[in-house]
Amino acid sequence: STTAAIPLAPSSLTGAAAGTSRINLTWADNSSNEDTFVVEMKSGTAPYASLASLPAGSTTYAATGLAIGTTYQ
């Protein structure tokens, strides 16, 4: 049987504020065999929540609706 190679993880994630409630995320796509990118975020002790499922090859996402003074991961 043939086993598909596990995609390489993205790297070089950066975030740039783009207003009071938005951050633009960018990363390096290090794989050529991923199906999608799932963007997740959390604040405080809350569990991670999925924000978006992006097509293979994506390298950017704009997270919107963020609260001022809140730390996100």
PDB file of N, CA and C in Angstrom:
ATOM      1  N   SER A   1       0.833  -1.187   0.000  1.00  0.00           N
ATOM      2  CA  SER A   1       0.000   0.000   0.000  1.00  0.00           C
ATOM      3  C   SER A   1       0.874   1.246   0.000  1.00  0.00           C
ATOM      4  N   THR A   2       0.338   2.325  -0.526  1.00  0.00           N
ATOM      5  CA  THR A   2       1.064   3.583  -0.600  1.00  0.00           C
ATOM      6  C   THR A   2       0.586   4.508   0.510  1.00  0.00           C
ATOM      7  N   THR A   3       1.519   5.067   1.243  1.00  0.00           N
ATOM      8  CA  THR A   3       1.191   6.006   2.304  1.00  0.00           C
ATOM      9  C   THR A   3       1.599   7.395   1.863  1.00  0.00           C
ATOM     10  N   ALA A   4       0.667   8.320   1.946  1.00  0.00           N
ATOM     11  CA  ALA A   4       0.962   9.703   1.557  1.00  0.00           C
ATOM     12  C   ALA A   4       1.896  10.339   2.583  1.00  0.00           C
ATOM     13  N   ALA A   5       2.804  11.152   2.100  1.00  0.00           N
ATOM     14  CA  ALA A   5       3.725  11.864   2.983  1.00  0.00           C
ATOM     15  C   ALA A   5       2.961  12.916   3.783  1.00  0.00           C
ATOM     16  N   ILE A   6       3.330  13.067   5.035  1.00  0.00           N
ATOM     17  CA  ILE A   6       2.726  14.094   5.869  1.00  0.00           C
ATOM     18  C   ILE A   6       3.221  15.450   5.384  1.00  0.00           C
ATOM     19  N   PRO A   7       2.305  16.412   5.155  1.00  0.00           N
ATOM     20  CA  PRO A   7       2.739  17.746   4.694  1.00  0.00           C
ATOM     21  C   PRO A   7       3.657  18.415   5.717  1.00  0.00           C
ATOM     22  N   LEU A   8       4.610  19.175   5.229  1.00  0.00           N
ATOM     23  CA  LEU A   8       5.479  19.961   6.104  1.00  0.00           C
ATOM     24  C   LEU A   8       4.678  21.096   6.714  1.00  0.00           C
ATOM     25  N   ALA A   9       4.949  21.401   7.971  1.00  0.00           N
ATOM     26  CA  ALA A   9       4.241  22.475   8.658  1.00  0.00           C
ATOM     27  C   ALA A   9       4.623  23.825   8.075  1.00  0.00           C
ATOM     28  N   PRO A  10       3.696  24.781   8.074  1.00  0.00           N
ATOM     29  CA  PRO A  10       4.049  26.141   7.658  1.00  0.00           C
ATOM     30  C   PRO A  10       4.990  26.758   8.688  1.00  0.00           C
ATOM     31  N   SER A  11       5.671  27.828   8.307  1.00  0.00           N
ATOM     32  CA  SER A  11       6.598  28.504   9.220  1.00  0.00           C
ATOM     33  C   SER A  11       6.529  30.003   9.006  1.00  0.00           C
ATOM     34  N   SER A  12       7.292  30.716   9.814  1.00  0.00           N
ATOM     35  CA  SER A  12       7.426  32.172   9.700  1.00  0.00           C
ATOM     36  C   SER A  12       6.098  32.906   9.810  1.00  0.00           C
ATOM     37  N   LEU A  13       5.240  32.461  10.738  1.00  0.00           N
ATOM     38  CA  LEU A  13       3.963  33.139  10.952  1.00  0.00           C
ATOM     39  C   LEU A  13       4.202  34.528  11.516  1.00  0.00           C
ATOM     40  N   THR A  14       3.594  35.518  10.889  1.00  0.00           N
ATOM     41  CA  THR A  14       3.652  36.888  11.399  1.00  0.00           C
ATOM     42  C   THR A  14       2.250  37.473  11.379  1.00  0.00           C
ATOM     43  N   GLY A  15       2.043  38.437  12.242  1.00  0.00           N
ATOM     44  CA  GLY A  15       0.773  39.147  12.291  1.00  0.00           C
ATOM     45  C   GLY A  15       1.021  40.640  12.280  1.00  0.00           C
ATOM     46  N   ALA A  16       0.206  41.363  11.537  1.00  0.00           N
ATOM     47  CA  ALA A  16       0.333  42.815  11.464  1.00  0.00           C
ATOM     48  C   ALA A  16      -1.034  43.427  11.713  1.00  0.00           C
ATOM     49  N   ALA A  17      -1.121  44.310  12.715  1.00  0.00           N
ATOM     50  CA  ALA A  17      -2.379  44.989  13.001  1.00  0.00           C
ATOM     51  C   ALA A  17      -2.811  45.794  11.783  1.00  0.00           C
ATOM     52  N   ALA A  18      -4.101  45.711  11.483  1.00  0.00           N
ATOM     53  CA  ALA A  18      -4.663  46.447  10.347  1.00  0.00           C
ATOM     54  C   ALA A  18      -5.947  47.121  10.805  1.00  0.00           C
ATOM     55  N   GLY A  19      -5.819  47.949  11.819  1.00  0.00           N
ATOM     56  CA  GLY A  19      -6.980  48.596  12.407  1.00  0.00           C
ATOM     57  C   GLY A  19      -7.176  48.105  13.829  1.00  0.00           C
ATOM     58  N   THR A  20      -8.270  48.521  14.450  1.00  0.00           N
ATOM     59  CA  THR A  20      -8.500  48.185  15.854  1.00  0.00           C
ATOM     60  C   THR A  20      -9.088  46.795  16.064  1.00  0.00           C
ATOM     61  N   SER A  21      -9.614  46.162  15.025  1.00  0.00           N
ATOM     62  CA  SER A  21     -10.248  44.858  15.203  1.00  0.00           C
ATOM     63  C   SER A  21      -9.824  43.833  14.156  1.00  0.00           C
ATOM     64  N   ARG A  22      -8.677  44.070  13.517  1.00  0.00           N
ATOM     65  CA  ARG A  22      -8.237  43.158  12.448  1.00  0.00           C
ATOM     66  C   ARG A  22      -6.731  42.963  12.526  1.00  0.00           C
ATOM     67  N   ILE A  23      -6.299  41.738  12.238  1.00  0.00           N
ATOM     68  CA  ILE A  23      -4.875  41.436  12.110  1.00  0.00           C
ATOM     69  C   ILE A  23      -4.684  40.613  10.840  1.00  0.00           C
ATOM     70  N   ASN A  24      -3.670  40.973  10.066  1.00  0.00           N
ATOM     71  CA  ASN A  24      -3.344  40.243   8.848  1.00  0.00           C
ATOM     72  C   ASN A  24      -2.242  39.239   9.166  1.00  0.00           C
ATOM     73  N   LEU A  25      -2.536  37.962   8.972  1.00  0.00           N
ATOM     74  CA  LEU A  25      -1.582  36.887   9.222  1.00  0.00           C
ATOM     75  C   LEU A  25      -0.937  36.459   7.915  1.00  0.00           C
ATOM     76  N   THR A  26       0.353  36.191   7.948  1.00  0.00           N
ATOM     77  CA  THR A  26       1.066  35.653   6.795  1.00  0.00           C
ATOM     78  C   THR A  26       1.992  34.548   7.274  1.00  0.00           C
ATOM     79  N   TRP A  27       2.263  33.582   6.414  1.00  0.00           N
ATOM     80  CA  TRP A  27       3.140  32.464   6.742  1.00  0.00           C
ATOM     81  C   TRP A  27       3.765  31.916   5.471  1.00  0.00           C
ATOM     82  N   ALA A  28       4.780  31.080   5.665  1.00  0.00           N
ATOM     83  CA  ALA A  28       5.433  30.411   4.539  1.00  0.00           C
ATOM     84  C   ALA A  28       4.825  29.019   4.379  1.00  0.00           C
ATOM     85  N   ASP A  29       4.384  28.695   3.192  1.00  0.00           N
ATOM     86  CA  ASP A  29       3.851  27.371   2.867  1.00  0.00           C
ATOM     87  C   ASP A  29       5.039  26.496   2.478  1.00  0.00           C
ATOM     88  N   ASN A  30       5.383  25.547   3.326  1.00  0.00           N
ATOM     89  CA  ASN A  30       6.562  24.703   3.103  1.00  0.00           C
ATOM     90  C   ASN A  30       6.234  23.356   2.487  1.00  0.00           C
ATOM     91  N   SER A  31       5.010  23.154   2.070  1.00  0.00           N
ATOM     92  CA  SER A  31       4.591  21.866   1.543  1.00  0.00           C
ATOM     93  C   SER A  31       3.913  22.042   0.192  1.00  0.00           C
ATOM     94  N   SER A  32       3.952  20.989  -0.583  1.00  0.00           N
ATOM     95  CA  SER A  32       3.261  21.024  -1.871  1.00  0.00           C
ATOM     96  C   SER A  32       2.162  19.965  -1.938  1.00  0.00           C
ATOM     97  N   ASN A  33       1.889  19.310  -0.787  1.00  0.00           N
ATOM     98  CA  ASN A  33       0.897  18.240  -0.810  1.00  0.00           C
ATOM     99  C   ASN A  33      -0.199  18.400   0.249  1.00  0.00           C
ATOM    100  N   GLU A  34      -0.422  19.642   0.748  1.00  0.00           N
ATOM    101  CA  GLU A  34      -1.512  19.841   1.692  1.00  0.00           C
ATOM    102  C   GLU A  34      -2.835  19.949   0.944  1.00  0.00           C
ATOM    103  N   ASP A  35      -3.933  19.638   1.656  1.00  0.00           N
ATOM    104  CA  ASP A  35      -5.277  19.787   1.089  1.00  0.00           C
ATOM    105  C   ASP A  35      -5.858  21.155   1.432  1.00  0.00           C
ATOM    106  N   THR A  36      -5.663  21.581   2.673  1.00  0.00           N
ATOM    107  CA  THR A  36      -6.190  22.851   3.160  1.00  0.00           C
ATOM    108  C   THR A  36      -5.295  23.380   4.276  1.00  0.00           C
ATOM    109  N   PHE A  37      -5.497  24.646   4.614  1.00  0.00           N
ATOM    110  CA  PHE A  37      -4.927  25.234   5.824  1.00  0.00           C
ATOM    111  C   PHE A  37      -6.115  25.577   6.713  1.00  0.00           C
ATOM    112  N   VAL A  38      -6.065  25.175   7.977  1.00  0.00           N
ATOM    113  CA  VAL A  38      -7.102  25.518   8.939  1.00  0.00           C
ATOM    114  C   VAL A  38      -6.503  26.551   9.885  1.00  0.00           C
ATOM    115  N   VAL A  39      -7.116  27.726   9.934  1.00  0.00           N
ATOM    116  CA  VAL A  39      -6.660  28.800  10.811  1.00  0.00           C
ATOM    117  C   VAL A  39      -7.474  28.714  12.103  1.00  0.00           C
ATOM    118  N   GLU A  40      -6.765  28.616  13.237  1.00  0.00           N
ATOM    119  CA  GLU A  40      -7.418  28.553  14.543  1.00  0.00           C
ATOM    120  C   GLU A  40      -6.884  29.667  15.428  1.00  0.00           C
ATOM    121  N   MET A  41      -7.701  30.112  16.372  1.00  0.00           N
ATOM    122  CA  MET A  41      -7.299  31.179  17.278  1.00  0.00           C
ATOM    123  C   MET A  41      -7.983  30.950  18.622  1.00  0.00           C
ATOM    124  N   LYS A  42      -7.364  31.478  19.676  1.00  0.00           N
ATOM    125  CA  LYS A  42      -7.991  31.446  20.994  1.00  0.00           C
ATOM    126  C   LYS A  42      -7.578  32.677  21.767  1.00  0.00           C
ATOM    127  N   SER A  43      -8.330  32.968  22.814  1.00  0.00           N
ATOM    128  CA  SER A  43      -7.965  34.028  23.747  1.00  0.00           C
ATOM    129  C   SER A  43      -8.128  33.473  25.151  1.00  0.00           C
ATOM    130  N   GLY A  44      -7.254  33.900  26.055  1.00  0.00           N
ATOM    131  CA  GLY A  44      -7.321  33.447  27.433  1.00  0.00           C
ATOM    132  C   GLY A  44      -7.238  31.943  27.553  1.00  0.00           C
ATOM    133  N   THR A  45      -8.108  31.359  28.378  1.00  0.00           N
ATOM    134  CA  THR A  45      -8.094  29.913  28.607  1.00  0.00           C
ATOM    135  C   THR A  45      -9.099  29.180  27.728  1.00  0.00           C
ATOM    136  N   ALA A  46      -9.752  29.885  26.849  1.00  0.00           N
ATOM    137  CA  ALA A  46     -10.716  29.256  25.941  1.00  0.00           C
ATOM    138  C   ALA A  46      -9.985  28.285  25.013  1.00  0.00           C
ATOM    139  N   PRO A  47     -10.669  27.247  24.543  1.00  0.00           N
ATOM    140  CA  PRO A  47     -10.032  26.330  23.581  1.00  0.00           C
ATOM    141  C   PRO A  47      -9.866  27.012  22.225  1.00  0.00           C
ATOM    142  N   TYR A  48      -8.957  26.470  21.417  1.00  0.00           N
ATOM    143  CA  TYR A  48      -8.799  26.979  20.059  1.00  0.00           C
ATOM    144  C   TYR A  48     -10.089  26.770  19.282  1.00  0.00           C
ATOM    145  N   ALA A  49     -10.439  27.745  18.461  1.00  0.00           N
ATOM    146  CA  ALA A  49     -11.628  27.672  17.612  1.00  0.00           C
ATOM    147  C   ALA A  49     -11.198  27.883  16.167  1.00  0.00           C
ATOM    148  N   SER A  50     -11.785  27.131  15.266  1.00  0.00           N
ATOM    149  CA  SER A  50     -11.475  27.253  13.844  1.00  0.00           C
ATOM    150  C   SER A  50     -12.089  28.534  13.296  1.00  0.00           C
ATOM    151  N   LEU A  51     -11.248  29.351  12.626  1.00  0.00           N
ATOM    152  CA  LEU A  51     -11.719  30.588  12.005  1.00  0.00           C
ATOM    153  C   LEU A  51     -11.985  30.410  10.520  1.00  0.00           C
ATOM    154  N   ALA A  52     -11.151  29.588   9.878  1.00  0.00           N
ATOM    155  CA  ALA A  52     -11.279  29.450   8.426  1.00  0.00           C
ATOM    156  C   ALA A  52     -10.592  28.182   7.952  1.00  0.00           C
ATOM    157  N   SER A  53     -11.081  27.658   6.851  1.00  0.00           N
ATOM    158  CA  SER A  53     -10.433  26.574   6.133  1.00  0.00           C
ATOM    159  C   SER A  53     -10.066  27.144   4.770  1.00  0.00           C
ATOM    160  N   LEU A  54      -8.768  27.263   4.517  1.00  0.00           N
ATOM    161  CA  LEU A  54      -8.272  27.927   3.311  1.00  0.00           C
ATOM    162  C   LEU A  54      -7.744  26.911   2.312  1.00  0.00           C
ATOM    163  N   PRO A  55      -7.765  27.237   1.040  1.00  0.00           N
ATOM    164  CA  PRO A  55      -7.274  26.305   0.030  1.00  0.00           C
ATOM    165  C   PRO A  55      -5.765  26.071   0.131  1.00  0.00           C
ATOM    166  N   ALA A  56      -5.331  24.931  -0.374  1.00  0.00           N
ATOM    167  CA  ALA A  56      -3.903  24.605  -0.437  1.00  0.00           C
ATOM    168  C   ALA A  56      -3.162  25.753  -1.111  1.00  0.00           C
ATOM    169  N   GLY A  57      -1.954  26.026  -0.618  1.00  0.00           N
ATOM    170  CA  GLY A  57      -1.139  27.086  -1.193  1.00  0.00           C
ATOM    171  C   GLY A  57      -1.383  28.457  -0.592  1.00  0.00           C
ATOM    172  N   SER A  58      -2.356  28.570   0.319  1.00  0.00           N
ATOM    173  CA  SER A  58      -2.645  29.868   0.939  1.00  0.00           C
ATOM    174  C   SER A  58      -1.477  30.309   1.819  1.00  0.00           C
ATOM    175  N   THR A  59      -1.247  31.607   1.874  1.00  0.00           N
ATOM    176  CA  THR A  59      -0.180  32.148   2.726  1.00  0.00           C
ATOM    177  C   THR A  59      -0.629  33.387   3.490  1.00  0.00           C
ATOM    178  N   THR A  60      -1.926  33.730   3.428  1.00  0.00           N
ATOM    179  CA  THR A  60      -2.424  34.898   4.151  1.00  0.00           C
ATOM    180  C   THR A  60      -3.832  34.660   4.653  1.00  0.00           C
ATOM    181  N   TYR A  61      -4.173  35.377   5.734  1.00  0.00           N
ATOM    182  CA  TYR A  61      -5.537  35.373   6.252  1.00  0.00           C
ATOM    183  C   TYR A  61      -5.736  36.650   7.057  1.00  0.00           C
ATOM    184  N   ALA A  62      -6.890  37.279   6.933  1.00  0.00           N
ATOM    185  CA  ALA A  62      -7.232  38.468   7.710  1.00  0.00           C
ATOM    186  C   ALA A  62      -8.231  38.067   8.789  1.00  0.00           C
ATOM    187  N   ALA A  63      -7.785  38.088  10.050  1.00  0.00           N
ATOM    188  CA  ALA A  63      -8.669  37.795  11.178  1.00  0.00           C
ATOM    189  C   ALA A  63      -9.363  39.095  11.573  1.00  0.00           C
ATOM    190  N   THR A  64     -10.678  39.093  11.589  1.00  0.00           N
ATOM    191  CA  THR A  64     -11.446  40.300  11.871  1.00  0.00           C
ATOM    192  C   THR A  64     -12.344  40.093  13.087  1.00  0.00           C
ATOM    193  N   GLY A  65     -12.937  41.170  13.562  1.00  0.00           N
ATOM    194  CA  GLY A  65     -13.847  41.096  14.691  1.00  0.00           C
ATOM    195  C   GLY A  65     -13.144  40.916  16.025  1.00  0.00           C
ATOM    196  N   LEU A  66     -11.883  41.311  16.109  1.00  0.00           N
ATOM    197  CA  LEU A  66     -11.097  41.150  17.336  1.00  0.00           C
ATOM    198  C   LEU A  66     -11.416  42.267  18.319  1.00  0.00           C
ATOM    199  N   ALA A  67     -11.263  41.956  19.601  1.00  0.00           N
ATOM    200  CA  ALA A  67     -11.552  42.928  20.656  1.00  0.00           C
ATOM    201  C   ALA A  67     -10.289  43.649  21.081  1.00  0.00           C
ATOM    202  N   ILE A  68     -10.363  44.949  21.257  1.00  0.00           N
ATOM    203  CA  ILE A  68      -9.240  45.764  21.716  1.00  0.00           C
ATOM    204  C   ILE A  68      -8.830  45.307  23.114  1.00  0.00           C
ATOM    205  N   GLY A  69      -7.537  45.226  23.349  1.00  0.00           N
ATOM    206  CA  GLY A  69      -7.015  44.864  24.662  1.00  0.00           C
ATOM    207  C   GLY A  69      -7.063  43.389  24.969  1.00  0.00           C
ATOM    208  N   THR A  70      -7.363  42.542  23.994  1.00  0.00           N
ATOM    209  CA  THR A  70      -7.423  41.102  24.185  1.00  0.00           C
ATOM    210  C   THR A  70      -6.221  40.451  23.532  1.00  0.00           C
ATOM    211  N   THR A  71      -5.609  39.489  24.239  1.00  0.00           N
ATOM    212  CA  THR A  71      -4.473  38.753  23.685  1.00  0.00           C
ATOM    213  C   THR A  71      -5.007  37.496  23.000  1.00  0.00           C
ATOM    214  N   TYR A  72      -4.584  37.300  21.772  1.00  0.00           N
ATOM    215  CA  TYR A  72      -5.000  36.126  20.996  1.00  0.00           C
ATOM    216  C   TYR A  72      -3.788  35.271  20.688  1.00  0.00           C
ATOM    217  N   GLN A  73      -4.040  33.978  20.572  1.00  0.00           N
ATOM    218  CA  GLN A  73      -3.003  33.019  20.175  1.00  0.00           C
ATOM    219  C   GLN A  73      -3.464  32.276  18.961  1.00  0.00           C
TER     220      GLN A  73
END
